Amino acid sequence: MAAHKSTPRKIRLMKKLKQNSPVPAWVIVRTKRKVRTNPKKRQWRRTDVGVG
C-alpha cells in the first residue's frame, strides 16, 4: 500500500480499525455472556481489508 494515502481511503481504513476491536467487557456482562465475540474481528495477515 502507498505511503501517501488519499483522505477517503484513510477514513475507510480508520473505520476498519475501529471495527476490529473486541467486544467490551460491559457488553458481555449485560448480555449474560450471550455476546462474547466480535463477528467482524479480522486478523491483519489472514483476511483482506478490501478498502480499495
N, C-alpha and C. Protein backbone atom coordinates (compact mmCIF):
# COMPACT_ATOMS: atom_id res chain seq x y z
N MET A 1 0.85 -1.18 0.00
CA MET A 1 0.00 0.00 0.00
C MET A 1 0.89 1.24 0.00
N ALA A 2 0.39 2.28 -0.64
CA ALA A 2 1.14 3.51 -0.78
C ALA A 2 1.35 4.19 0.58
N ALA A 3 2.48 4.88 0.70
CA ALA A 3 2.76 5.60 1.94
C ALA A 3 1.86 6.82 2.06
N HIS A 4 1.60 7.49 0.92
CA HIS A 4 0.73 8.66 0.91
C HIS A 4 -0.67 8.22 0.48
N LYS A 5 -1.60 8.25 1.41
CA LYS A 5 -2.96 7.77 1.14
C LYS A 5 -3.90 8.96 0.95
N SER A 6 -4.92 8.75 0.12
CA SER A 6 -5.92 9.79 -0.05
C SER A 6 -6.80 9.83 1.20
N THR A 7 -7.46 10.93 1.42
CA THR A 7 -8.30 11.10 2.62
C THR A 7 -9.45 10.10 2.69
N PRO A 8 -10.20 9.87 1.59
CA PRO A 8 -11.29 8.88 1.69
C PRO A 8 -10.80 7.47 2.05
N ARG A 9 -9.67 7.09 1.48
CA ARG A 9 -9.11 5.77 1.78
C ARG A 9 -8.69 5.68 3.25
N LYS A 10 -8.12 6.76 3.75
CA LYS A 10 -7.69 6.81 5.15
C LYS A 10 -8.88 6.68 6.10
N ILE A 11 -10.00 7.33 5.74
CA ILE A 11 -11.22 7.26 6.55
C ILE A 11 -11.75 5.82 6.57
N ARG A 12 -11.74 5.15 5.40
CA ARG A 12 -12.21 3.76 5.33
C ARG A 12 -11.31 2.84 6.14
N LEU A 13 -10.00 3.09 6.11
CA LEU A 13 -9.07 2.28 6.90
C LEU A 13 -9.29 2.50 8.40
N MET A 14 -9.60 3.73 8.80
CA MET A 14 -9.86 4.01 10.21
C MET A 14 -11.13 3.31 10.68
N LYS A 15 -12.14 3.23 9.80
CA LYS A 15 -13.37 2.53 10.15
C LYS A 15 -13.09 1.05 10.37
N LYS A 16 -12.28 0.46 9.49
CA LYS A 16 -11.94 -0.95 9.64
C LYS A 16 -11.13 -1.19 10.92
N LEU A 17 -10.30 -0.21 11.29
CA LEU A 17 -9.51 -0.31 12.51
C LEU A 17 -10.41 -0.33 13.74
N LYS A 18 -11.47 0.51 13.72
CA LYS A 18 -12.41 0.56 14.84
C LYS A 18 -13.26 -0.70 14.91
N GLN A 19 -13.63 -1.25 13.75
CA GLN A 19 -14.45 -2.46 13.72
C GLN A 19 -13.69 -3.67 14.24
N ASN A 20 -12.37 -3.60 14.20
CA ASN A 20 -11.54 -4.76 14.56
C ASN A 20 -11.34 -4.92 16.06
N SER A 21 -11.97 -4.09 16.86
CA SER A 21 -11.78 -4.16 18.31
C SER A 21 -12.65 -5.27 18.92
N PRO A 22 -12.24 -5.83 20.06
CA PRO A 22 -13.05 -6.87 20.70
C PRO A 22 -14.31 -6.28 21.35
N VAL A 23 -15.21 -7.16 21.75
CA VAL A 23 -16.45 -6.74 22.42
C VAL A 23 -16.09 -6.23 23.81
N PRO A 24 -16.63 -5.07 24.23
CA PRO A 24 -16.33 -4.55 25.57
C PRO A 24 -16.82 -5.48 26.67
N ALA A 25 -16.14 -5.44 27.81
CA ALA A 25 -16.47 -6.32 28.93
C ALA A 25 -17.87 -6.06 29.46
N TRP A 26 -18.30 -4.80 29.45
CA TRP A 26 -19.63 -4.47 29.98
C TRP A 26 -20.74 -5.05 29.11
N VAL A 27 -20.49 -5.22 27.82
CA VAL A 27 -21.49 -5.84 26.92
C VAL A 27 -21.63 -7.32 27.25
N ILE A 28 -20.51 -7.97 27.52
CA ILE A 28 -20.53 -9.39 27.89
C ILE A 28 -21.30 -9.58 29.19
N VAL A 29 -21.08 -8.69 30.15
CA VAL A 29 -21.79 -8.76 31.43
C VAL A 29 -23.28 -8.50 31.25
N ARG A 30 -23.61 -7.48 30.45
CA ARG A 30 -25.01 -7.10 30.28
C ARG A 30 -25.83 -8.15 29.54
N THR A 31 -25.20 -8.87 28.61
CA THR A 31 -25.93 -9.89 27.85
C THR A 31 -25.80 -11.28 28.47
N LYS A 32 -25.23 -11.33 29.68
CA LYS A 32 -25.04 -12.60 30.39
C LYS A 32 -24.30 -13.63 29.54
N ARG A 33 -23.20 -13.18 28.93
CA ARG A 33 -22.29 -13.99 28.12
C ARG A 33 -22.89 -14.55 26.83
N LYS A 34 -24.03 -14.02 26.40
CA LYS A 34 -24.58 -14.46 25.11
C LYS A 34 -23.76 -13.87 23.96
N VAL A 35 -23.34 -12.61 24.14
CA VAL A 35 -22.47 -11.97 23.16
C VAL A 35 -21.07 -11.98 23.73
N ARG A 36 -20.18 -12.75 23.12
CA ARG A 36 -18.82 -12.85 23.62
C ARG A 36 -17.77 -12.41 22.61
N THR A 37 -18.00 -12.74 21.34
CA THR A 37 -17.00 -12.44 20.32
C THR A 37 -17.54 -11.45 19.30
N ASN A 38 -16.62 -10.76 18.66
CA ASN A 38 -16.97 -9.82 17.61
C ASN A 38 -16.94 -10.57 16.28
N PRO A 39 -18.08 -10.66 15.55
CA PRO A 39 -18.08 -11.39 14.29
C PRO A 39 -17.26 -10.71 13.19
N LYS A 40 -16.99 -9.42 13.34
CA LYS A 40 -16.21 -8.69 12.34
C LYS A 40 -14.72 -8.63 12.67
N LYS A 41 -14.28 -9.39 13.68
CA LYS A 41 -12.86 -9.41 14.04
C LYS A 41 -12.06 -9.94 12.88
N ARG A 42 -10.92 -9.29 12.60
CA ARG A 42 -10.14 -9.61 11.42
C ARG A 42 -8.66 -9.67 11.80
N GLN A 43 -7.97 -10.68 11.30
CA GLN A 43 -6.54 -10.79 11.54
C GLN A 43 -5.81 -10.17 10.35
N TRP A 44 -4.86 -9.31 10.57
CA TRP A 44 -4.26 -8.50 9.51
C TRP A 44 -3.56 -9.32 8.44
N ARG A 45 -3.04 -10.50 8.78
CA ARG A 45 -2.35 -11.30 7.78
C ARG A 45 -3.29 -12.18 6.98
N ARG A 46 -4.31 -12.72 7.65
CA ARG A 46 -5.19 -13.70 7.01
C ARG A 46 -6.27 -13.10 6.12
N THR A 47 -6.93 -12.03 6.57
CA THR A 47 -8.10 -11.52 5.89
C THR A 47 -7.81 -10.18 5.23
N ASP A 48 -8.34 -10.01 4.02
CA ASP A 48 -8.14 -8.77 3.28
C ASP A 48 -9.09 -7.69 3.82
N VAL A 49 -8.61 -6.47 3.87
CA VAL A 49 -9.43 -5.35 4.36
C VAL A 49 -10.48 -4.98 3.32
N GLY A 50 -10.08 -4.89 2.06
CA GLY A 50 -11.00 -4.61 0.97
C GLY A 50 -11.48 -3.17 0.93
N VAL A 51 -10.55 -2.20 1.08
CA VAL A 51 -10.95 -0.80 1.01
C VAL A 51 -10.54 -0.18 -0.33
N GLY A 52 -9.86 -0.92 -1.16
CA GLY A 52 -9.53 -0.41 -2.49
C GLY A 52 -8.21 0.27 -2.61
